[in-house]
C-alpha atoms as a PDB file:
ATOM      1  CA  MET A   1       6.336  35.702 -75.398  1.00  0.00           C
ATOM      2  CA  ASP A   2       8.021  34.494 -71.820  1.00  0.00           C
ATOM      3  CA  LYS A   3       6.505  34.523 -68.886  1.00  0.00           C
ATOM      4  CA  LYS A   4       8.101  37.397 -66.763  1.00  0.00           C
ATOM      5  CA  LYS A   5       9.212  35.315 -63.109  1.00  0.00           C
ATOM      6  CA  VAL A   6       8.289  36.665 -59.843  1.00  0.00           C
ATOM      7  CA  LEU A   7       9.143  35.985 -56.632  1.00  0.00           C
ATOM      8  CA  PHE A   8       7.216  37.340 -53.888  1.00  0.00           C
ATOM      9  CA  ILE A   9       9.518  36.997 -50.391  1.00  0.00           C
ATOM     10  CA  CYS A  10       8.074  38.090 -47.203  1.00  0.00           C
ATOM     11  CA  VAL A  11       9.815  36.546 -43.532  1.00  0.00           C
ATOM     12  CA  HIS A  12       8.050  33.119 -43.391  1.00  0.00           C
ATOM     13  CA  ASN A  13       5.999  32.323 -46.413  1.00  0.00           C
ATOM     14  CA  SER A  14       3.061  32.034 -44.264  1.00  0.00           C
ATOM     15  CA  ALA A  15       0.995  35.482 -45.075  1.00  0.00           C
ATOM     16  CA  ARG A  16       1.922  38.148 -47.837  1.00  0.00           C
ATOM     17  CA  SER A  17       3.791  36.473 -50.110  1.00  0.00           C
ATOM     18  CA  GLN A  18       1.678  33.126 -50.392  1.00  0.00           C
ATOM     19  CA  MET A  19      -1.564  36.237 -51.069  1.00  0.00           C
ATOM     20  CA  ALA A  20       0.250  38.216 -53.658  1.00  0.00           C
ATOM     21  CA  GLU A  21       1.453  34.844 -55.278  1.00  0.00           C
ATOM     22  CA  THR A  22      -1.708  33.559 -55.118  1.00  0.00           C
ATOM     23  CA  PHE A  23      -3.618  37.516 -56.696  1.00  0.00           C
ATOM     24  CA  LEU A  24      -0.430  37.785 -59.304  1.00  0.00           C
ATOM     25  CA  ASN A  25      -0.777  34.024 -61.010  1.00  0.00           C
ATOM     26  CA  ASP A  26      -5.014  34.365 -61.035  1.00  0.00           C
ATOM     27  CA  LEU A  27      -4.808  38.476 -62.031  1.00  0.00           C
ATOM     28  CA  GLY A  28      -2.277  38.273 -64.581  1.00  0.00           C
ATOM     29  CA  GLU A  29      -3.812  36.169 -66.958  1.00  0.00           C
ATOM     30  CA  GLY A  30      -0.943  34.018 -68.152  1.00  0.00           C
ATOM     31  CA  GLU A  31       1.837  36.612 -68.256  1.00  0.00           C
ATOM     32  CA  PHE A  32       3.686  35.823 -64.922  1.00  0.00           C
ATOM     33  CA  GLN A  33       5.577  32.909 -63.432  1.00  0.00           C
ATOM     34  CA  VAL A  34       5.339  33.419 -59.889  1.00  0.00           C
ATOM     35  CA  GLU A  35       6.758  31.884 -56.886  1.00  0.00           C
ATOM     36  CA  SER A  36       7.170  32.552 -52.955  1.00  0.00           C
ATOM     37  CA  ALA A  37       9.587  31.896 -50.380  1.00  0.00           C
ATOM     38  CA  GLY A  38      10.306  32.965 -46.564  1.00  0.00           C
ATOM     39  CA  LEU A  39      13.947  34.347 -45.160  1.00  0.00           C
ATOM     40  CA  GLU A  40      12.725  31.718 -42.450  1.00  0.00           C
ATOM     41  CA  LEU A  41      10.521  28.974 -42.532  1.00  0.00           C
ATOM     42  CA  GLY A  42       7.386  29.086 -41.185  1.00  0.00           C
ATOM     43  CA  LYS A  43       3.806  27.516 -40.873  1.00  0.00           C
ATOM     44  CA  LEU A  44       1.271  28.930 -43.188  1.00  0.00           C
ATOM     45  CA  ASN A  45      -1.025  31.033 -41.025  1.00  0.00           C
ATOM     46  CA  PRO A  46      -4.670  29.981 -40.306  1.00  0.00           C
ATOM     47  CA  TYR A  47      -5.965  33.109 -40.812  1.00  0.00           C
ATOM     48  CA  VAL A  48      -4.542  33.812 -44.084  1.00  0.00           C
ATOM     49  CA  VAL A  49      -5.778  30.724 -44.977  1.00  0.00           C
ATOM     50  CA  ARG A  50      -9.767  31.758 -43.739  1.00  0.00           C
ATOM     51  CA  VAL A  51      -9.474  35.067 -45.543  1.00  0.00           C
ATOM     52  CA  MET A  52      -8.398  33.700 -48.697  1.00  0.00           C
ATOM     53  CA  LYS A  53     -11.184  31.258 -48.559  1.00  0.00           C
ATOM     54  CA  GLU A  54     -13.513  34.061 -48.412  1.00  0.00           C
ATOM     55  CA  ILE A  55     -12.987  35.898 -51.699  1.00  0.00           C
ATOM     56  CA  GLY A  56     -12.924  32.008 -53.286  1.00  0.00           C
ATOM     57  CA  TYR A  57      -9.233  31.151 -52.917  1.00  0.00           C
ATOM     58  CA  ASP A  58      -8.116  27.393 -51.228  1.00  0.00           C
ATOM     59  CA  LEU A  59      -4.360  27.669 -49.789  1.00  0.00           C
ATOM     60  CA  SER A  60      -5.014  25.109 -47.298  1.00  0.00           C
ATOM     61  CA  ASN A  61      -2.435  22.780 -49.596  1.00  0.00           C
ATOM     62  CA  ASN A  62       0.378  25.413 -49.394  1.00  0.00           C
ATOM     63  CA  LYS A  63       3.917  24.724 -48.567  1.00  0.00           C
ATOM     64  CA  THR A  64       6.311  27.194 -46.881  1.00  0.00           C
ATOM     65  CA  LYS A  65       9.703  27.988 -48.996  1.00  0.00           C
ATOM     66  CA  SER A  66      12.666  29.047 -47.789  1.00  0.00           C
ATOM     67  CA  VAL A  67      13.821  31.812 -50.321  1.00  0.00           C
ATOM     68  CA  LEU A  68      17.662  30.399 -50.057  1.00  0.00           C
ATOM     69  CA  ASP A  69      16.052  27.040 -51.637  1.00  0.00           C
ATOM     70  CA  PHE A  70      15.840  29.148 -54.547  1.00  0.00           C
ATOM     71  CA  TYR A  71      18.815  31.179 -54.689  1.00  0.00           C
ATOM     72  CA  ARG A  72      20.650  28.395 -54.075  1.00  0.00           C
ATOM     73  CA  LYS A  73      19.385  26.757 -57.272  1.00  0.00           C
ATOM     74  CA  GLY A  74      20.229  29.666 -59.282  1.00  0.00           C
ATOM     75  CA  GLU A  75      17.125  30.385 -60.001  1.00  0.00           C
ATOM     76  CA  LEU A  76      16.708  33.880 -62.619  1.00  0.00           C
ATOM     77  CA  TYR A  77      13.381  36.363 -62.207  1.00  0.00           C
ATOM     78  CA  SER A  78      12.672  39.602 -63.874  1.00  0.00           C
ATOM     79  CA  TYR A  79      11.746  40.373 -59.903  1.00  0.00           C
ATOM     80  CA  VAL A  80      11.973  39.893 -56.895  1.00  0.00           C
ATOM     81  CA  ILE A  81       9.194  41.811 -54.719  1.00  0.00           C
ATOM     82  CA  THR A  82       9.556  41.904 -50.686  1.00  0.00           C
ATOM     83  CA  VAL A  83       6.783  42.375 -48.739  1.00  0.00           C
ATOM     84  CA  CYS A  84       8.205  42.639 -45.689  1.00  0.00           C
ATOM     85  CA  ASP A  85       8.974  45.145 -43.474  1.00  0.00           C
ATOM     86  CA  GLU A  86      12.177  47.233 -44.674  1.00  0.00           C
ATOM     87  CA  GLY A  87      14.884  45.694 -42.071  1.00  0.00           C
ATOM     88  CA  ASN A  88      13.696  42.296 -43.151  1.00  0.00           C
ATOM     89  CA  SER A  89      13.824  43.200 -46.594  1.00  0.00           C
ATOM     90  CA  GLU A  90      17.821  43.931 -46.201  1.00  0.00           C
ATOM     91  CA  ARG A  91      18.263  40.379 -45.346  1.00  0.00           C
ATOM     92  CA  CYS A  92      17.036  38.823 -48.780  1.00  0.00           C
ATOM     93  CA  PRO A  93      19.673  37.384 -51.419  1.00  0.00           C
ATOM     94  CA  ILE A  94      20.762  39.249 -53.934  1.00  0.00           C
ATOM     95  CA  PHE A  95      20.093  36.898 -56.978  1.00  0.00           C
ATOM     96  CA  PRO A  96      21.801  36.976 -60.322  1.00  0.00           C
ATOM     97  CA  GLY A  97      20.602  38.227 -63.697  1.00  0.00           C
ATOM     98  CA  PRO A  98      18.618  41.461 -64.912  1.00  0.00           C
ATOM     99  CA  VAL A  99      16.495  41.699 -61.938  1.00  0.00           C
ATOM    100  CA  GLU A 100      14.474  44.306 -60.455  1.00  0.00           C
ATOM    101  CA  ARG A 101      14.585  44.220 -57.110  1.00  0.00           C
ATOM    102  CA  LEU A 102      10.869  46.039 -55.392  1.00  0.00           C
ATOM    103  CA  HIS A 103       9.863  46.098 -52.476  1.00  0.00           C
ATOM    104  CA  TRP A 104       6.231  46.770 -50.781  1.00  0.00           C
ATOM    105  CA  SER A 105       5.593  46.525 -47.402  1.00  0.00           C
ATOM    106  CA  PHE A 106       2.441  45.832 -45.710  1.00  0.00           C
ATOM    107  CA  PRO A 107       1.663  44.557 -42.184  1.00  0.00           C
ATOM    108  CA  ASP A 108       2.936  41.363 -40.414  1.00  0.00           C
ATOM    109  CA  PRO A 109      -0.887  39.058 -40.003  1.00  0.00           C
ATOM    110  CA  SER A 110       1.439  36.576 -38.242  1.00  0.00           C
ATOM    111  CA  GLY A 111       1.872  39.887 -35.373  1.00  0.00           C
ATOM    112  CA  PHE A 112      -2.098  40.674 -35.226  1.00  0.00           C
ATOM    113  CA  LYS A 113      -3.280  40.696 -31.790  1.00  0.00           C
ATOM    114  CA  GLY A 114      -6.824  40.986 -30.141  1.00  0.00           C
ATOM    115  CA  SER A 115      -9.973  38.422 -30.570  1.00  0.00           C
ATOM    116  CA  GLU A 116     -10.192  36.316 -32.941  1.00  0.00           C
ATOM    117  CA  GLU A 117     -12.651  38.323 -35.295  1.00  0.00           C
ATOM    118  CA  GLU A 118     -10.031  41.369 -34.745  1.00  0.00           C
ATOM    119  CA  VAL A 119      -7.491  39.642 -35.995  1.00  0.00           C
ATOM    120  CA  LEU A 120      -9.204  38.128 -38.832  1.00  0.00           C
ATOM    121  CA  SER A 121     -10.359  41.882 -39.628  1.00  0.00           C
ATOM    122  CA  LYS A 122      -6.759  43.140 -39.790  1.00  0.00           C
ATOM    123  CA  THR A 123      -5.362  40.069 -41.723  1.00  0.00           C
ATOM    124  CA  ARG A 124      -8.674  40.936 -44.573  1.00  0.00           C
ATOM    125  CA  GLU A 125      -7.190  44.698 -44.543  1.00  0.00           C
ATOM    126  CA  VAL A 126      -3.947  43.067 -45.509  1.00  0.00           C
ATOM    127  CA  ARG A 127      -5.006  41.020 -48.046  1.00  0.00           C
ATOM    128  CA  ASP A 128      -7.283  43.560 -49.749  1.00  0.00           C
ATOM    129  CA  GLN A 129      -4.404  45.992 -49.925  1.00  0.00           C
ATOM    130  CA  ILE A 130      -2.288  43.282 -51.186  1.00  0.00           C
ATOM    131  CA  LEU A 131      -4.946  42.341 -53.790  1.00  0.00           C
ATOM    132  CA  GLU A 132      -4.877  46.351 -54.986  1.00  0.00           C
ATOM    133  CA  LYS A 133      -1.312  46.515 -55.254  1.00  0.00           C
ATOM    134  CA  ILE A 134      -1.222  43.534 -57.198  1.00  0.00           C
ATOM    135  CA  ARG A 135      -3.934  45.166 -59.595  1.00  0.00           C
ATOM    136  CA  SER A 136      -2.460  48.585 -60.279  1.00  0.00           C
ATOM    137  CA  TRP A 137       0.925  46.665 -60.588  1.00  0.00           C
ATOM    138  CA  ILE A 138      -0.513  44.698 -63.327  1.00  0.00           C
ATOM    139  CA  LYS A 139      -2.273  48.005 -65.334  1.00  0.00           C
ATOM    140  CA  GLU A 140       1.688  50.224 -64.835  1.00  0.00           C
ATOM    141  CA  LYS A 141       2.903  46.797 -66.727  1.00  0.00           C
ATOM    142  CA  GLU A 142       0.767  46.648 -69.403  1.00  0.00           C
ATOM    143  CA  THR A 143       1.822  51.044 -69.759  1.00  0.00           C
END
């Protein structure tokens, strides 16, 4: 069986798309080939690295990637899923082929303010929302 190719896109590939890629790669039971990228290159969010490590995922060596690099290579995907806000999702390039484009809106951890513990807590909430969305989407794809 061919794996379904999935590309997660957010603004900087520093948080939400990295988490979604990690979860789908782990929970997708080999049915998906998953990548993530950003509309603009950013730096991996250290709070995301910490909250993912809390649940057993090490993102510390991940690199951020540009969506335009994937587009220029002519990559084909079954699904392109934006995990940024509505306004930024519209900036995504249109990928060729029979791609299904989905949008899942999650708050951007790079904008969280407050004490370190408050930022970590809000980042955990986003992590858990993404994990739940990935689980429900996998279940939906099984039916």
